[in-house]
């Protein structure tokens, strides 16, 4: 007797769009070239207009969505009347899809994807579905020295540039960040570890969020995965190309040299299938140390930029007075 097994629900891809039609077009074009797209359902979240001067861009981006949505199987479009902002838009969309499907792949409009991106996401989601120590699958990897094998590694650091997670892990997320800032202020050793042994000022970013200067979901997500000792699985080479280093971006207008290869080289990278995952379920501290050294020079530039911004703000306030 042949028993029909129930089909697994398609893995949802959450795509977050605002007011950059050309970026959205590039993302959708690259998504259509991804292997295993037919195994996924595409959910497109279009945020509402924040400022009147953004209206034309919002409308143009939504036209791009209408153009591409028929090319995806049963695409779902959510057009918001009100502006939620990127943080609330992502958190609400990810929460809804995790509750319905148990997992989700998350994209923003300023990414270009390698054709192997979805395959890596799906294999990783399946591989670590029941591993409580793993909270996220990353798509972007900094160009650091990584061994040829295996094809992936684990470290205790999340990413916001193309990622995936499961409902069991996303339950860790919380908007409460004030207590985290207090905890880090009270424990210098913990703060140093959160800052990757002083390599990057994540605690400073968290403090800005805690006092309302910055609205970020990503630093909250990193804090809670850090606090509960969770790991992220990364590809040994990046499968996401950040396309948002321009003046249309909210947070990524400053491109750091060497953060990623040029686009042609990125797209020509070859991957063997299936993926060879690491045997041990623990952080690869050798690669983690490489990443810290890679990020350390950026801390100095980040700190200098912050100081200059504060000086300019103070000067402007005095000028107004």
C-alpha atoms as a PDB file:
ATOM      1  CA  UNK A   1       0.000   0.000   0.000  1.00  0.00           C
ATOM      2  CA  UNK A   2       1.333   3.416  -0.980  1.00  0.00           C
ATOM      3  CA  UNK A   3       0.816   6.130   1.617  1.00  0.00           C
ATOM      4  CA  UNK A   4       0.912   9.717   0.397  1.00  0.00           C
ATOM      5  CA  UNK A   5       3.157  11.727   2.657  1.00  0.00           C
ATOM      6  CA  UNK A   6       2.052  15.304   3.369  1.00  0.00           C
ATOM      7  CA  UNK A   7       4.073  17.901   1.506  1.00  0.00           C
ATOM      8  CA  UNK A   8       6.315  20.154   3.525  1.00  0.00           C
ATOM      9  CA  UNK A   9       5.084  23.759   3.459  1.00  0.00           C
ATOM     10  CA  UNK A  10       7.132  26.051   1.286  1.00  0.00           C
ATOM     11  CA  UNK A  11       9.803  27.959   3.180  1.00  0.00           C
ATOM     12  CA  UNK A  12       8.752  31.621   3.289  1.00  0.00           C
ATOM     13  CA  UNK A  13      11.050  34.367   2.021  1.00  0.00           C
ATOM     14  CA  UNK A  14      10.271  37.728   3.626  1.00  0.00           C
ATOM     15  CA  UNK A  15      11.278  40.644   1.383  1.00  0.00           C
ATOM     16  CA  UNK A  16      11.154  44.159   2.848  1.00  0.00           C
ATOM     17  CA  UNK A  17      10.684  47.052   0.409  1.00  0.00           C
ATOM     18  CA  UNK A  18      10.397  50.795   0.923  1.00  0.00           C
ATOM     19  CA  UNK A  19      11.278  53.520  -1.581  1.00  0.00           C
ATOM     20  CA  UNK A  20      14.167  52.280  -3.737  1.00  0.00           C
ATOM     21  CA  UNK A  21      12.725  50.848  -6.955  1.00  0.00           C
ATOM     22  CA  UNK A  22      16.056  50.184  -8.693  1.00  0.00           C
ATOM     23  CA  UNK A  23      17.418  48.328  -5.693  1.00  0.00           C
ATOM     24  CA  UNK A  24      14.230  46.270  -5.468  1.00  0.00           C
ATOM     25  CA  UNK A  25      14.510  45.417  -9.162  1.00  0.00           C
ATOM     26  CA  UNK A  26      18.098  44.207  -8.752  1.00  0.00           C
ATOM     27  CA  UNK A  27      17.113  42.084  -5.748  1.00  0.00           C
ATOM     28  CA  UNK A  28      14.186  40.446  -7.531  1.00  0.00           C
ATOM     29  CA  UNK A  29      16.267  39.760 -10.635  1.00  0.00           C
ATOM     30  CA  UNK A  30      18.887  37.985  -8.524  1.00  0.00           C
ATOM     31  CA  UNK A  31      16.247  36.104  -6.525  1.00  0.00           C
ATOM     32  CA  UNK A  32      14.735  34.732  -9.735  1.00  0.00           C
ATOM     33  CA  UNK A  33      18.134  33.247 -10.611  1.00  0.00           C
ATOM     34  CA  UNK A  34      18.452  31.388  -7.303  1.00  0.00           C
ATOM     35  CA  UNK A  35      18.366  27.597  -7.271  1.00  0.00           C
ATOM     36  CA  UNK A  36      15.436  25.997  -5.381  1.00  0.00           C
ATOM     37  CA  UNK A  37      13.262  29.107  -5.557  1.00  0.00           C
ATOM     38  CA  UNK A  38      10.324  26.829  -6.404  1.00  0.00           C
ATOM     39  CA  UNK A  39      10.567  25.390  -2.872  1.00  0.00           C
ATOM     40  CA  UNK A  40       9.901  28.794  -1.343  1.00  0.00           C
ATOM     41  CA  UNK A  41       6.989  31.204  -1.052  1.00  0.00           C
ATOM     42  CA  UNK A  42       7.733  34.907  -1.459  1.00  0.00           C
ATOM     43  CA  UNK A  43       6.121  37.396   0.932  1.00  0.00           C
ATOM     44  CA  UNK A  44       6.778  41.051   0.061  1.00  0.00           C
ATOM     45  CA  UNK A  45       6.261  43.705   2.730  1.00  0.00           C
ATOM     46  CA  UNK A  46       5.944  47.268   1.415  1.00  0.00           C
ATOM     47  CA  UNK A  47       6.223  49.839   4.193  1.00  0.00           C
ATOM     48  CA  UNK A  48       4.070  52.980   4.205  1.00  0.00           C
ATOM     49  CA  UNK A  49       5.410  56.449   3.411  1.00  0.00           C
ATOM     50  CA  UNK A  50       7.343  58.129   6.208  1.00  0.00           C
ATOM     51  CA  UNK A  51       7.865  61.557   4.598  1.00  0.00           C
ATOM     52  CA  UNK A  52       6.019  63.300   1.752  1.00  0.00           C
ATOM     53  CA  UNK A  53       9.230  63.489  -0.255  1.00  0.00           C
ATOM     54  CA  UNK A  54       9.432  59.678  -0.152  1.00  0.00           C
ATOM     55  CA  UNK A  55       6.017  59.142  -1.751  1.00  0.00           C
ATOM     56  CA  UNK A  56       7.228  58.961  -5.364  1.00  0.00           C
ATOM     57  CA  UNK A  57       9.882  56.408  -4.441  1.00  0.00           C
ATOM     58  CA  UNK A  58       7.409  54.329  -2.438  1.00  0.00           C
ATOM     59  CA  UNK A  59       4.971  54.261  -5.349  1.00  0.00           C
ATOM     60  CA  UNK A  60       7.705  53.397  -7.858  1.00  0.00           C
ATOM     61  CA  UNK A  61       8.979  50.572  -5.621  1.00  0.00           C
ATOM     62  CA  UNK A  62       5.460  49.158  -5.355  1.00  0.00           C
ATOM     63  CA  UNK A  63       5.166  49.235  -9.143  1.00  0.00           C
ATOM     64  CA  UNK A  64       8.326  47.104  -9.322  1.00  0.00           C
ATOM     65  CA  UNK A  65       6.737  44.698  -6.829  1.00  0.00           C
ATOM     66  CA  UNK A  66       3.616  44.426  -9.016  1.00  0.00           C
ATOM     67  CA  UNK A  67       5.833  43.797 -12.046  1.00  0.00           C
ATOM     68  CA  UNK A  68       7.813  40.954 -10.455  1.00  0.00           C
ATOM     69  CA  UNK A  69       5.260  39.334  -8.154  1.00  0.00           C
ATOM     70  CA  UNK A  70       3.587  37.293 -10.963  1.00  0.00           C
ATOM     71  CA  UNK A  71       6.984  35.674 -11.620  1.00  0.00           C
ATOM     72  CA  UNK A  72       6.950  34.086  -8.156  1.00  0.00           C
ATOM     73  CA  UNK A  73       4.577  31.237  -7.338  1.00  0.00           C
ATOM     74  CA  UNK A  74       1.671  32.503  -5.204  1.00  0.00           C
ATOM     75  CA  UNK A  75       3.510  35.634  -4.063  1.00  0.00           C
ATOM     76  CA  UNK A  76       1.932  37.463  -1.122  1.00  0.00           C
ATOM     77  CA  UNK A  77       2.104  41.273  -1.078  1.00  0.00           C
ATOM     78  CA  UNK A  78       1.521  43.304   2.077  1.00  0.00           C
ATOM     79  CA  UNK A  79       1.189  47.037   1.380  1.00  0.00           C
ATOM     80  CA  UNK A  80       1.112  48.991   4.606  1.00  0.00           C
ATOM     81  CA  UNK A  81      -0.808  52.262   4.819  1.00  0.00           C
ATOM     82  CA  UNK A  82       1.258  53.498   7.745  1.00  0.00           C
ATOM     83  CA  UNK A  83       5.028  53.643   8.048  1.00  0.00           C
ATOM     84  CA  UNK A  84       6.289  51.094  10.551  1.00  0.00           C
ATOM     85  CA  UNK A  85       9.966  51.797   9.992  1.00  0.00           C
ATOM     86  CA  UNK A  86      12.452  49.111   9.038  1.00  0.00           C
ATOM     87  CA  UNK A  87      12.845  47.644  12.533  1.00  0.00           C
ATOM     88  CA  UNK A  88       9.133  47.185  13.273  1.00  0.00           C
ATOM     89  CA  UNK A  89       8.411  46.096   9.717  1.00  0.00           C
ATOM     90  CA  UNK A  90      11.025  43.332   9.868  1.00  0.00           C
ATOM     91  CA  UNK A  91      10.132  42.159  13.368  1.00  0.00           C
ATOM     92  CA  UNK A  92       6.401  41.977  12.657  1.00  0.00           C
ATOM     93  CA  UNK A  93       6.914  40.206   9.310  1.00  0.00           C
ATOM     94  CA  UNK A  94       9.434  37.704  10.670  1.00  0.00           C
ATOM     95  CA  UNK A  95       7.256  37.007  13.716  1.00  0.00           C
ATOM     96  CA  UNK A  96       4.147  36.364  11.626  1.00  0.00           C
ATOM     97  CA  UNK A  97       5.913  34.040   9.188  1.00  0.00           C
ATOM     98  CA  UNK A  98       7.772  32.132  11.909  1.00  0.00           C
ATOM     99  CA  UNK A  99       4.504  31.511  13.740  1.00  0.00           C
ATOM    100  CA  UNK A 100       2.856  30.236  10.544  1.00  0.00           C
ATOM    101  CA  UNK A 101       5.723  28.291   8.912  1.00  0.00           C
ATOM    102  CA  UNK A 102       8.215  27.636  11.723  1.00  0.00           C
ATOM    103  CA  UNK A 103      11.073  29.292   9.846  1.00  0.00           C
ATOM    104  CA  UNK A 104      11.810  32.176   7.486  1.00  0.00           C
ATOM    105  CA  UNK A 105      14.445  33.593   5.124  1.00  0.00           C
ATOM    106  CA  UNK A 106      14.815  37.371   5.399  1.00  0.00           C
ATOM    107  CA  UNK A 107      15.848  39.830   2.670  1.00  0.00           C
ATOM    108  CA  UNK A 108      15.970  43.604   2.319  1.00  0.00           C
ATOM    109  CA  UNK A 109      15.761  45.555  -0.911  1.00  0.00           C
ATOM    110  CA  UNK A 110      19.466  46.426  -1.139  1.00  0.00           C
ATOM    111  CA  UNK A 111      20.830  42.890  -1.591  1.00  0.00           C
ATOM    112  CA  UNK A 112      22.012  41.041  -4.680  1.00  0.00           C
ATOM    113  CA  UNK A 113      22.002  37.280  -4.194  1.00  0.00           C
ATOM    114  CA  UNK A 114      24.360  34.617  -5.446  1.00  0.00           C
ATOM    115  CA  UNK A 115      22.437  31.849  -7.276  1.00  0.00           C
ATOM    116  CA  UNK A 116      23.434  29.392  -4.515  1.00  0.00           C
ATOM    117  CA  UNK A 117      22.016  31.594  -1.723  1.00  0.00           C
ATOM    118  CA  UNK A 118      18.693  29.806  -1.293  1.00  0.00           C
ATOM    119  CA  UNK A 119      20.277  26.371  -1.532  1.00  0.00           C
ATOM    120  CA  UNK A 120      22.648  27.231   1.317  1.00  0.00           C
ATOM    121  CA  UNK A 121      19.784  28.664   3.378  1.00  0.00           C
ATOM    122  CA  UNK A 122      17.550  25.620   2.891  1.00  0.00           C
ATOM    123  CA  UNK A 123      20.272  23.058   3.544  1.00  0.00           C
ATOM    124  CA  UNK A 124      21.321  24.923   6.696  1.00  0.00           C
ATOM    125  CA  UNK A 125      17.747  25.347   7.927  1.00  0.00           C
ATOM    126  CA  UNK A 126      17.226  21.599   7.539  1.00  0.00           C
ATOM    127  CA  UNK A 127      20.587  20.650   9.057  1.00  0.00           C
ATOM    128  CA  UNK A 128      20.220  22.718  12.243  1.00  0.00           C
ATOM    129  CA  UNK A 129      16.436  22.705  12.659  1.00  0.00           C
ATOM    130  CA  UNK A 130      16.606  20.867  15.990  1.00  0.00           C
ATOM    131  CA  UNK A 131      19.904  22.287  17.247  1.00  0.00           C
ATOM    132  CA  UNK A 132      18.969  24.652  20.064  1.00  0.00           C
ATOM    133  CA  UNK A 133      22.481  26.125  20.130  1.00  0.00           C
ATOM    134  CA  UNK A 134      22.083  27.550  16.592  1.00  0.00           C
ATOM    135  CA  UNK A 135      19.840  30.621  16.265  1.00  0.00           C
ATOM    136  CA  UNK A 136      20.532  31.946  12.769  1.00  0.00           C
ATOM    137  CA  UNK A 137      21.767  31.133   9.265  1.00  0.00           C
ATOM    138  CA  UNK A 138      23.828  33.914   7.682  1.00  0.00           C
ATOM    139  CA  UNK A 139      24.077  34.739   3.994  1.00  0.00           C
ATOM    140  CA  UNK A 140      26.739  37.464   4.150  1.00  0.00           C
ATOM    141  CA  UNK A 141      30.335  36.697   5.128  1.00  0.00           C
ATOM    142  CA  UNK A 142      33.147  39.227   5.456  1.00  0.00           C
ATOM    143  CA  UNK A 143      36.153  38.509   3.201  1.00  0.00           C
ATOM    144  CA  UNK A 144      38.316  36.924   5.887  1.00  0.00           C
ATOM    145  CA  UNK A 145      40.683  33.950   5.649  1.00  0.00           C
ATOM    146  CA  UNK A 146      38.665  30.745   5.893  1.00  0.00           C
ATOM    147  CA  UNK A 147      39.828  27.155   5.220  1.00  0.00           C
ATOM    148  CA  UNK A 148      38.726  25.530   1.966  1.00  0.00           C
ATOM    149  CA  UNK A 149      36.729  22.952   3.915  1.00  0.00           C
ATOM    150  CA  UNK A 150      34.159  22.710   5.370  1.00  0.00           C
ATOM    151  CA  UNK A 151      31.780  24.967   3.425  1.00  0.00           C
ATOM    152  CA  UNK A 152      30.340  26.571   6.552  1.00  0.00           C
ATOM    153  CA  UNK A 153      31.419  27.612  10.039  1.00  0.00           C
ATOM    154  CA  UNK A 154      29.774  28.593  13.321  1.00  0.00           C
ATOM    155  CA  UNK A 155      30.466  31.707  15.399  1.00  0.00           C
ATOM    156  CA  UNK A 156      28.514  33.610  18.104  1.00  0.00           C
ATOM    157  CA  UNK A 157      27.640  36.670  15.994  1.00  0.00           C
ATOM    158  CA  UNK A 158      24.469  37.430  14.043  1.00  0.00           C
ATOM    159  CA  UNK A 159      24.092  39.318  10.764  1.00  0.00           C
ATOM    160  CA  UNK A 160      21.361  41.465   9.203  1.00  0.00           C
ATOM    161  CA  UNK A 161      22.517  41.136   5.572  1.00  0.00           C
ATOM    162  CA  UNK A 162      20.505  38.163   4.337  1.00  0.00           C
ATOM    163  CA  UNK A 163      19.652  35.584   6.969  1.00  0.00           C
ATOM    164  CA  UNK A 164      17.248  32.912   8.169  1.00  0.00           C
ATOM    165  CA  UNK A 165      15.954  31.603  11.461  1.00  0.00           C
ATOM    166  CA  UNK A 166      13.458  29.260  13.120  1.00  0.00           C
ATOM    167  CA  UNK A 167      10.512  29.977  15.372  1.00  0.00           C
ATOM    168  CA  UNK A 168      12.256  28.262  18.310  1.00  0.00           C
ATOM    169  CA  UNK A 169      15.142  30.776  18.024  1.00  0.00           C
ATOM    170  CA  UNK A 170      13.141  33.892  17.128  1.00  0.00           C
ATOM    171  CA  UNK A 171      11.253  33.497  20.405  1.00  0.00           C
ATOM    172  CA  UNK A 172      14.404  34.887  22.042  1.00  0.00           C
ATOM    173  CA  UNK A 173      13.892  38.279  20.405  1.00  0.00           C
ATOM    174  CA  UNK A 174      12.600  41.108  22.596  1.00  0.00           C
ATOM    175  CA  UNK A 175      12.190  44.857  22.204  1.00  0.00           C
ATOM    176  CA  UNK A 176      13.466  45.357  25.764  1.00  0.00           C
ATOM    177  CA  UNK A 177      17.028  46.629  25.514  1.00  0.00           C
ATOM    178  CA  UNK A 178      17.303  48.989  28.513  1.00  0.00           C
ATOM    179  CA  UNK A 179      18.121  46.103  30.860  1.00  0.00           C
ATOM    180  CA  UNK A 180      20.800  44.907  28.416  1.00  0.00           C
ATOM    181  CA  UNK A 181      22.506  48.301  28.478  1.00  0.00           C
ATOM    182  CA  UNK A 182      22.465  48.272  32.269  1.00  0.00           C
ATOM    183  CA  UNK A 183      23.888  44.748  32.332  1.00  0.00           C
ATOM    184  CA  UNK A 184      26.768  45.704  30.028  1.00  0.00           C
ATOM    185  CA  UNK A 185      27.507  48.898  31.966  1.00  0.00           C
ATOM    186  CA  UNK A 186      27.757  46.869  35.159  1.00  0.00           C
ATOM    187  CA  UNK A 187      30.022  44.159  33.738  1.00  0.00           C
ATOM    188  CA  UNK A 188      33.086  45.399  31.771  1.00  0.00           C
ATOM    189  CA  UNK A 189      34.201  41.840  30.940  1.00  0.00           C
ATOM    190  CA  UNK A 190      30.820  40.985  29.474  1.00  0.00           C
ATOM    191  CA  UNK A 191      30.822  44.281  27.552  1.00  0.00           C
ATOM    192  CA  UNK A 192      34.243  43.543  26.106  1.00  0.00           C
ATOM    193  CA  UNK A 193      33.101  40.094  24.976  1.00  0.00           C
ATOM    194  CA  UNK A 194      29.952  41.611  23.446  1.00  0.00           C
ATOM    195  CA  UNK A 195      32.263  44.007  21.567  1.00  0.00           C
ATOM    196  CA  UNK A 196      34.218  41.026  20.185  1.00  0.00           C
ATOM    197  CA  UNK A 197      37.154  41.599  22.543  1.00  0.00           C
ATOM    198  CA  UNK A 198      37.040  45.302  21.756  1.00  0.00           C
ATOM    199  CA  UNK A 199      37.051  44.805  17.985  1.00  0.00           C
ATOM    200  CA  UNK A 200      33.777  46.616  17.285  1.00  0.00           C
ATOM    201  CA  UNK A 201      31.577  48.977  19.392  1.00  0.00           C
ATOM    202  CA  UNK A 202      28.395  46.912  19.546  1.00  0.00           C
ATOM    203  CA  UNK A 203      27.766  48.044  23.139  1.00  0.00           C
ATOM    204  CA  UNK A 204      27.868  51.667  21.969  1.00  0.00           C
ATOM    205  CA  UNK A 205      25.297  50.855  19.286  1.00  0.00           C
ATOM    206  CA  UNK A 206      23.125  49.117  21.862  1.00  0.00           C
ATOM    207  CA  UNK A 207      23.336  52.131  24.161  1.00  0.00           C
ATOM    208  CA  UNK A 208      22.209  54.447  21.337  1.00  0.00           C
ATOM    209  CA  UNK A 209      19.183  52.205  20.800  1.00  0.00           C
ATOM    210  CA  UNK A 210      18.435  52.083  24.529  1.00  0.00           C
ATOM    211  CA  UNK A 211      18.192  55.899  24.746  1.00  0.00           C
ATOM    212  CA  UNK A 212      16.195  56.213  21.527  1.00  0.00           C
ATOM    213  CA  UNK A 213      18.849  57.736  19.252  1.00  0.00           C
ATOM    214  CA  UNK A 214      18.720  54.773  16.847  1.00  0.00           C
ATOM    215  CA  UNK A 215      15.932  52.340  15.955  1.00  0.00           C
ATOM    216  CA  UNK A 216      17.473  48.930  15.289  1.00  0.00           C
ATOM    217  CA  UNK A 217      16.139  45.380  15.467  1.00  0.00           C
ATOM    218  CA  UNK A 218      19.548  43.897  14.613  1.00  0.00           C
ATOM    219  CA  UNK A 219      21.427  44.962  17.749  1.00  0.00           C
ATOM    220  CA  UNK A 220      18.549  43.620  19.881  1.00  0.00           C
ATOM    221  CA  UNK A 221      18.706  40.296  18.044  1.00  0.00           C
ATOM    222  CA  UNK A 222      22.471  40.102  18.499  1.00  0.00           C
ATOM    223  CA  UNK A 223      22.165  40.886  22.211  1.00  0.00           C
ATOM    224  CA  UNK A 224      19.647  38.140  22.936  1.00  0.00           C
ATOM    225  CA  UNK A 225      21.525  35.489  20.934  1.00  0.00           C
ATOM    226  CA  UNK A 226      24.707  36.593  22.702  1.00  0.00           C
ATOM    227  CA  UNK A 227      23.063  36.540  26.139  1.00  0.00           C
ATOM    228  CA  UNK A 228      21.757  32.997  25.600  1.00  0.00           C
ATOM    229  CA  UNK A 229      25.039  31.739  24.051  1.00  0.00           C
ATOM    230  CA  UNK A 230      23.673  30.987  20.582  1.00  0.00           C
ATOM    231  CA  UNK A 231      25.593  30.432  17.356  1.00  0.00           C
ATOM    232  CA  UNK A 232      25.135  31.499  13.723  1.00  0.00           C
ATOM    233  CA  UNK A 233      26.098  29.301  10.772  1.00  0.00           C
ATOM    234  CA  UNK A 234      27.928  31.182   7.993  1.00  0.00           C
ATOM    235  CA  UNK A 235      28.936  30.216   4.444  1.00  0.00           C
ATOM    236  CA  UNK A 236      32.713  30.210   3.969  1.00  0.00           C
ATOM    237  CA  UNK A 237      32.213  32.791   1.180  1.00  0.00           C
ATOM    238  CA  UNK A 238      29.521  35.422   1.048  1.00  0.00           C
ATOM    239  CA  UNK A 239      26.310  34.651  -0.810  1.00  0.00           C
ATOM    240  CA  UNK A 240      24.923  38.181  -0.407  1.00  0.00           C
ATOM    241  CA  UNK A 241      26.279  41.319  -2.070  1.00  0.00           C
ATOM    242  CA  UNK A 242      25.373  44.538  -0.300  1.00  0.00           C
ATOM    243  CA  UNK A 243      23.975  46.910  -2.928  1.00  0.00           C
ATOM    244  CA  UNK A 244      22.971  49.718  -0.605  1.00  0.00           C
ATOM    245  CA  UNK A 245      26.120  51.786  -0.212  1.00  0.00           C
ATOM    246  CA  UNK A 246      24.633  54.997  -1.582  1.00  0.00           C
ATOM    247  CA  UNK A 247      22.727  58.077  -0.494  1.00  0.00           C
ATOM    248  CA  UNK A 248      19.335  56.343  -0.788  1.00  0.00           C
ATOM    249  CA  UNK A 249      20.177  54.093   2.157  1.00  0.00           C
ATOM    250  CA  UNK A 250      19.141  54.582   5.761  1.00  0.00           C
ATOM    251  CA  UNK A 251      22.143  52.925   7.423  1.00  0.00           C
ATOM    252  CA  UNK A 252      24.628  51.816   4.750  1.00  0.00           C
ATOM    253  CA  UNK A 253      25.733  55.007   2.989  1.00  0.00           C
ATOM    254  CA  UNK A 254      29.370  54.531   4.016  1.00  0.00           C
ATOM    255  CA  UNK A 255      31.092  51.719   2.117  1.00  0.00           C
ATOM    256  CA  UNK A 256      34.187  50.408   3.882  1.00  0.00           C
ATOM    257  CA  UNK A 257      36.946  49.355   1.447  1.00  0.00           C
ATOM    258  CA  UNK A 258      37.469  45.620   1.360  1.00  0.00           C
ATOM    259  CA  UNK A 259      34.123  44.700   2.925  1.00  0.00           C
ATOM    260  CA  UNK A 260      33.172  42.691  -0.163  1.00  0.00           C
ATOM    261  CA  UNK A 261      34.542  41.653  -3.548  1.00  0.00           C
ATOM    262  CA  UNK A 262      33.381  43.294  -6.759  1.00  0.00           C
ATOM    263  CA  UNK A 263      30.048  42.114  -8.084  1.00  0.00           C
ATOM    264  CA  UNK A 264      31.378  40.133 -11.061  1.00  0.00           C
ATOM    265  CA  UNK A 265      33.779  38.122  -8.903  1.00  0.00           C
ATOM    266  CA  UNK A 266      31.017  37.544  -6.360  1.00  0.00           C
ATOM    267  CA  UNK A 267      28.595  36.138  -8.943  1.00  0.00           C
ATOM    268  CA  UNK A 268      31.224  33.883 -10.550  1.00  0.00           C
ATOM    269  CA  UNK A 269      32.050  31.991  -7.352  1.00  0.00           C
ATOM    270  CA  UNK A 270      31.419  28.244  -7.675  1.00  0.00           C
ATOM    271  CA  UNK A 271      29.923  26.034  -4.972  1.00  0.00           C
ATOM    272  CA  UNK A 272      29.962  22.268  -4.648  1.00  0.00           C
ATOM    273  CA  UNK A 273      26.760  20.523  -3.642  1.00  0.00           C
ATOM    274  CA  UNK A 274      25.791  19.198  -1.137  1.00  0.00           C
ATOM    275  CA  UNK A 275      27.326  21.488   1.470  1.00  0.00           C
ATOM    276  CA  UNK A 276      29.967  20.068   3.778  1.00  0.00           C
ATOM    277  CA  UNK A 277      29.015  21.300   7.248  1.00  0.00           C
ATOM    278  CA  UNK A 278      31.365  21.330  10.253  1.00  0.00           C
ATOM    279  CA  UNK A 279      31.339  18.207  12.373  1.00  0.00           C
ATOM    280  CA  UNK A 280      31.434  19.976  15.731  1.00  0.00           C
ATOM    281  CA  UNK A 281      28.567  22.085  17.015  1.00  0.00           C
ATOM    282  CA  UNK A 282      30.757  24.829  18.450  1.00  0.00           C
ATOM    283  CA  UNK A 283      32.265  28.173  17.551  1.00  0.00           C
ATOM    284  CA  UNK A 284      35.223  28.137  15.198  1.00  0.00           C
ATOM    285  CA  UNK A 285      37.422  30.380  17.319  1.00  0.00           C
ATOM    286  CA  UNK A 286      40.198  30.595  14.712  1.00  0.00           C
ATOM    287  CA  UNK A 287      37.807  32.103  12.154  1.00  0.00           C
ATOM    288  CA  UNK A 288      36.181  34.204  14.874  1.00  0.00           C
ATOM    289  CA  UNK A 289      39.559  35.714  15.752  1.00  0.00           C
ATOM    290  CA  UNK A 290      40.148  36.445  12.049  1.00  0.00           C
ATOM    291  CA  UNK A 291      36.852  38.308  11.941  1.00  0.00           C
ATOM    292  CA  UNK A 292      37.738  40.338  15.019  1.00  0.00           C
ATOM    293  CA  UNK A 293      41.010  41.444  13.454  1.00  0.00           C
ATOM    294  CA  UNK A 294      39.189  42.317  10.239  1.00  0.00           C
ATOM    295  CA  UNK A 295      36.671  44.483  12.114  1.00  0.00           C
ATOM    296  CA  UNK A 296      39.142  46.163  14.487  1.00  0.00           C
ATOM    297  CA  UNK A 297      40.245  48.939  12.072  1.00  0.00           C
ATOM    298  CA  UNK A 298      36.580  49.756  11.450  1.00  0.00           C
ATOM    299  CA  UNK A 299      36.079  50.465  15.146  1.00  0.00           C
ATOM    300  CA  UNK A 300      38.499  53.382  14.968  1.00  0.00           C
ATOM    301  CA  UNK A 301      36.766  54.893  11.941  1.00  0.00           C
ATOM    302  CA  UNK A 302      33.337  54.301  13.499  1.00  0.00           C
ATOM    303  CA  UNK A 303      34.399  56.003  16.736  1.00  0.00           C
ATOM    304  CA  UNK A 304      35.912  58.963  14.846  1.00  0.00           C
ATOM    305  CA  UNK A 305      32.780  59.351  12.728  1.00  0.00           C
ATOM    306  CA  UNK A 306      30.604  59.325  15.861  1.00  0.00           C
ATOM    307  CA  UNK A 307      32.744  61.983  17.513  1.00  0.00           C
ATOM    308  CA  UNK A 308      32.597  64.192  14.428  1.00  0.00           C
ATOM    309  CA  UNK A 309      28.807  63.854  14.271  1.00  0.00           C
ATOM    310  CA  UNK A 310      28.518  64.827  17.956  1.00  0.00           C
ATOM    311  CA  UNK A 311      30.768  67.842  17.427  1.00  0.00           C
ATOM    312  CA  UNK A 312      28.680  68.971  14.456  1.00  0.00           C
ATOM    313  CA  UNK A 313      25.436  68.530  16.409  1.00  0.00           C
ATOM    314  CA  UNK A 314      26.815  70.577  19.299  1.00  0.00           C
ATOM    315  CA  UNK A 315      28.027  73.288  16.927  1.00  0.00           C
ATOM    316  CA  UNK A 316      24.618  73.407  15.229  1.00  0.00           C
ATOM    317  CA  UNK A 317      22.809  73.744  18.568  1.00  0.00           C
ATOM    318  CA  UNK A 318      25.068  76.635  19.567  1.00  0.00           C
ATOM    319  CA  UNK A 319      24.534  78.271  16.181  1.00  0.00           C
ATOM    320  CA  UNK A 320      20.757  78.010  16.573  1.00  0.00           C
ATOM    321  CA  UNK A 321      20.938  79.526  20.035  1.00  0.00           C
END
